[in-house]
C-alpha atoms as a PDB file:
ATOM      1  CA  MET A   1      -0.002   0.035   0.038  1.00  0.00           C
ATOM      2  CA  ASP A   2       1.271   3.472  -0.630  1.00  0.00           C
ATOM      3  CA  GLY A   3       1.203   6.272   1.860  1.00  0.00           C
ATOM      4  CA  GLN A   4      -1.996   7.823   0.727  1.00  0.00           C
ATOM      5  CA  GLN A   5      -3.779   4.424   0.977  1.00  0.00           C
ATOM      6  CA  LEU A   6      -2.257   4.118   4.493  1.00  0.00           C
ATOM      7  CA  GLN A   7      -3.658   7.415   5.507  1.00  0.00           C
ATOM      8  CA  LYS A   8      -7.099   6.744   4.028  1.00  0.00           C
ATOM      9  CA  ILE A   9      -7.333   3.424   5.897  1.00  0.00           C
ATOM     10  CA  ALA A  10      -6.258   5.008   9.185  1.00  0.00           C
ATOM     11  CA  ASP A  11      -8.669   7.906   8.809  1.00  0.00           C
ATOM     12  CA  ASP A  12     -11.668   5.879   7.805  1.00  0.00           C
ATOM     13  CA  PHE A  13     -11.099   3.380  10.657  1.00  0.00           C
ATOM     14  CA  ALA A  14     -10.478   6.265  13.271  1.00  0.00           C
ATOM     15  CA  ALA A  15     -13.736   7.805  12.341  1.00  0.00           C
ATOM     16  CA  GLU A  16     -15.459   4.712  13.512  1.00  0.00           C
ATOM     17  CA  LEU A  17     -13.738   4.854  17.036  1.00  0.00           C
ATOM     18  CA  PRO A  18     -16.165   6.206  19.747  1.00  0.00           C
ATOM     19  CA  GLY A  19     -15.507   9.743  20.860  1.00  0.00           C
ATOM     20  CA  THR A  20     -12.948  10.512  18.112  1.00  0.00           C
ATOM     21  CA  ASN A  21     -12.489  14.115  17.112  1.00  0.00           C
ATOM     22  CA  HIS A  22     -10.631  14.998  13.933  1.00  0.00           C
ATOM     23  CA  GLU A  23      -8.734  18.296  13.815  1.00  0.00           C
ATOM     24  CA  HIS A  24      -6.963  19.649  10.724  1.00  0.00           C
ATOM     25  CA  ARG A  25      -4.181  22.142  11.123  1.00  0.00           C
ATOM     26  CA  SER A  26      -2.864  23.863   8.059  1.00  0.00           C
ATOM     27  CA  ASP A  27       0.263  25.390   9.504  1.00  0.00           C
ATOM     28  CA  PRO A  28       2.069  23.069   9.599  1.00  0.00           C
ATOM     29  CA  ASP A  29      -0.131  20.582   7.774  1.00  0.00           C
ATOM     30  CA  TRP A  30      -1.210  17.963  10.263  1.00  0.00           C
ATOM     31  CA  ASP A  31      -4.231  15.864  10.916  1.00  0.00           C
ATOM     32  CA  LEU A  32      -4.873  15.115  14.553  1.00  0.00           C
ATOM     33  CA  TYR A  33      -7.248  12.453  16.068  1.00  0.00           C
ATOM     34  CA  LYS A  34      -8.240  12.892  19.718  1.00  0.00           C
ATOM     35  CA  VAL A  35     -10.579  11.227  22.136  1.00  0.00           C
ATOM     36  CA  HIS A  36     -11.473  13.561  25.007  1.00  0.00           C
ATOM     37  CA  GLY A  37      -8.869  16.076  24.019  1.00  0.00           C
ATOM     38  CA  LYS A  38      -5.997  13.576  24.013  1.00  0.00           C
ATOM     39  CA  VAL A  39      -4.163  12.721  20.722  1.00  0.00           C
ATOM     40  CA  TYR A  40      -3.948   9.146  19.655  1.00  0.00           C
ATOM     41  CA  MET A  41      -3.018   9.507  16.052  1.00  0.00           C
ATOM     42  CA  LEU A  42      -1.502  12.180  13.610  1.00  0.00           C
ATOM     43  CA  MET A  43      -1.114  12.241   9.868  1.00  0.00           C
ATOM     44  CA  THR A  44       1.320  14.566   8.044  1.00  0.00           C
ATOM     45  CA  ASP A  45       3.422  14.340   4.844  1.00  0.00           C
ATOM     46  CA  LEU A  46       7.184  13.970   5.285  1.00  0.00           C
ATOM     47  CA  PRO A  47       9.125  14.829   2.283  1.00  0.00           C
ATOM     48  CA  GLY A  48       8.052  12.367  -0.283  1.00  0.00           C
ATOM     49  CA  ARG A  49       5.882  10.157   1.923  1.00  0.00           C
ATOM     50  CA  PRO A  50       2.622  10.451   3.818  1.00  0.00           C
ATOM     51  CA  VAL A  51       2.826   8.990   7.318  1.00  0.00           C
ATOM     52  CA  VAL A  52       0.706   8.101  10.203  1.00  0.00           C
ATOM     53  CA  ILE A  53       2.066   8.525  13.759  1.00  0.00           C
ATOM     54  CA  LEU A  54       0.506   6.512  16.583  1.00  0.00           C
ATOM     55  CA  LYS A  55       0.982   5.938  20.294  1.00  0.00           C
ATOM     56  CA  ALA A  56       2.327   2.400  21.063  1.00  0.00           C
ATOM     57  CA  ASP A  57       3.375   0.474  24.209  1.00  0.00           C
ATOM     58  CA  PRO A  58       7.059   0.700  24.459  1.00  0.00           C
ATOM     59  CA  ASP A  59       7.743  -2.853  24.194  1.00  0.00           C
ATOM     60  CA  ASP A  60       5.538  -3.204  21.197  1.00  0.00           C
ATOM     61  CA  ALA A  61       6.956  -0.365  19.523  1.00  0.00           C
ATOM     62  CA  ALA A  62      10.461  -1.706  19.781  1.00  0.00           C
ATOM     63  CA  ALA A  63       9.137  -5.170  18.489  1.00  0.00           C
ATOM     64  CA  LEU A  64       7.317  -3.336  15.595  1.00  0.00           C
ATOM     65  CA  ARG A  65      10.452  -1.371  14.657  1.00  0.00           C
ATOM     66  CA  GLU A  66      12.431  -4.592  14.431  1.00  0.00           C
ATOM     67  CA  GLN A  67       9.970  -6.430  12.459  1.00  0.00           C
ATOM     68  CA  TYR A  68       8.973  -3.640   9.870  1.00  0.00           C
ATOM     69  CA  THR A  69      11.518  -1.393   8.277  1.00  0.00           C
ATOM     70  CA  HIS A  70       8.646   1.001   7.592  1.00  0.00           C
ATOM     71  CA  ILE A  71       7.632   1.428  11.236  1.00  0.00           C
ATOM     72  CA  THR A  72      10.174   3.962  12.800  1.00  0.00           C
ATOM     73  CA  PRO A  73      10.404   5.958  15.950  1.00  0.00           C
ATOM     74  CA  GLY A  74       7.549   8.764  16.289  1.00  0.00           C
ATOM     75  CA  TYR A  75       8.376  11.724  14.191  1.00  0.00           C
ATOM     76  CA  HIS A  76       8.381  14.794  16.388  1.00  0.00           C
ATOM     77  CA  MET A  77       7.103  12.800  19.265  1.00  0.00           C
ATOM     78  CA  ASN A  78       8.555  10.805  22.153  1.00  0.00           C
ATOM     79  CA  LYS A  79      10.639   8.148  20.433  1.00  0.00           C
ATOM     80  CA  THR A  80       9.688   5.509  23.098  1.00  0.00           C
ATOM     81  CA  HIS A  81       5.934   5.808  23.134  1.00  0.00           C
ATOM     82  CA  TRP A  82       5.120   6.837  19.542  1.00  0.00           C
ATOM     83  CA  ILE A  83       5.748   5.070  16.179  1.00  0.00           C
ATOM     84  CA  THR A  84       5.630   6.547  12.557  1.00  0.00           C
ATOM     85  CA  VAL A  85       4.241   4.212   9.910  1.00  0.00           C
ATOM     86  CA  ASP A  86       4.712   4.793   6.196  1.00  0.00           C
ATOM     87  CA  GLY A  87       3.121   2.897   3.362  1.00  0.00           C
ATOM     88  CA  ALA A  88       4.807  -0.219   2.205  1.00  0.00           C
ATOM     89  CA  ASP A  89       3.901  -3.675   0.879  1.00  0.00           C
ATOM     90  CA  THR A  90       4.854  -5.087   4.388  1.00  0.00           C
ATOM     91  CA  ILE A  91       2.106  -2.885   5.965  1.00  0.00           C
ATOM     92  CA  SER A  92      -1.156  -4.559   5.784  1.00  0.00           C
ATOM     93  CA  GLU A  93      -4.687  -2.978   6.201  1.00  0.00           C
ATOM     94  CA  LYS A  94      -5.224  -5.336   9.141  1.00  0.00           C
ATOM     95  CA  LEU A  95      -2.057  -4.180  10.749  1.00  0.00           C
ATOM     96  CA  VAL A  96      -2.941  -0.464  10.410  1.00  0.00           C
ATOM     97  CA  LYS A  97      -6.290  -1.085  12.005  1.00  0.00           C
ATOM     98  CA  GLU A  98      -4.616  -2.958  14.759  1.00  0.00           C
ATOM     99  CA  LEU A  99      -2.264  -0.155  15.412  1.00  0.00           C
ATOM    100  CA  VAL A 100      -4.867   2.529  15.430  1.00  0.00           C
ATOM    101  CA  THR A 101      -6.928   0.483  17.861  1.00  0.00           C
ATOM    102  CA  ASP A 102      -3.995  -0.052  20.137  1.00  0.00           C
ATOM    103  CA  SER A 103      -3.166   3.676  20.156  1.00  0.00           C
ATOM    104  CA  TYR A 104      -6.708   4.637  20.768  1.00  0.00           C
ATOM    105  CA  HIS A 105      -6.960   2.124  23.589  1.00  0.00           C
ATOM    106  CA  LEU A 106      -3.700   3.421  25.277  1.00  0.00           C
ATOM    107  CA  ILE A 107      -5.151   6.972  25.421  1.00  0.00           C
ATOM    108  CA  VAL A 108      -8.699   5.744  26.535  1.00  0.00           C
ATOM    109  CA  SER A 109      -7.104   3.590  29.373  1.00  0.00           C
ATOM    110  CA  GLY A 110      -5.449   6.726  30.740  1.00  0.00           C
ATOM    111  CA  LEU A 111      -8.704   8.699  30.950  1.00  0.00           C
ATOM    112  CA  PRO A 112     -10.991   8.872  34.055  1.00  0.00           C
ATOM    113  CA  LYS A 113     -13.333   6.066  33.935  1.00  0.00           C
ATOM    114  CA  SER A 114     -16.304   8.601  33.573  1.00  0.00           C
ATOM    115  CA  LYS A 115     -14.617   9.742  30.346  1.00  0.00           C
ATOM    116  CA  GLN A 116     -13.926   6.364  28.829  1.00  0.00           C
ATOM    117  CA  SER A 117     -15.927   6.060  25.674  1.00  0.00           C
ATOM    118  CA  VAL A 118     -15.219   2.291  25.594  1.00  0.00           C
ATOM    119  CA  ASP A 119     -13.775  -0.188  27.989  1.00  0.00           C
ATOM    120  CA  PRO A 120     -10.220  -0.265  26.702  1.00  0.00           C
ATOM    121  CA  HIS A 121      -9.565  -3.666  28.121  1.00  0.00           C
ATOM    122  CA  THR A 122     -12.477  -5.389  26.190  1.00  0.00           C
ATOM    123  CA  HIS A 123     -13.329  -3.187  23.164  1.00  0.00           C
ATOM    124  CA  ASN A 124     -12.288  -4.563  19.839  1.00  0.00           C
ATOM    125  CA  ARG A 125      -9.541  -6.724  21.239  1.00  0.00           C
ATOM    126  CA  ARG A 126      -7.742  -9.271  19.035  1.00  0.00           C
ATOM    127  CA  ALA A 127      -8.483 -12.689  19.836  1.00  0.00           C
END
């Protein structure tokens, strides 16, 4: 998949997650995806490549960076807790959706229970 397909899949999927708010900033050109004011996904274009930036568990982030050459430390974010994904044949639609879901759950689990739009421990978890 190319970077534009990657961003479209991530955008379409994020739109389905409860409580998601999409915000576009034009200077610089960023799309932010938030739940209760907390960012869980960003999209922008780096020179020559559209990317998606997601929060990730530090252990998972390290493993993903080792397994996929197109997953790198978070661009302009904490390199331990965020990853950058760019489009490549090794990045599947299923993986993109899993990474978006994981990022969303990490943010929701840090919210007070009264603000959690879903139970992050049971919502859409992989079997």
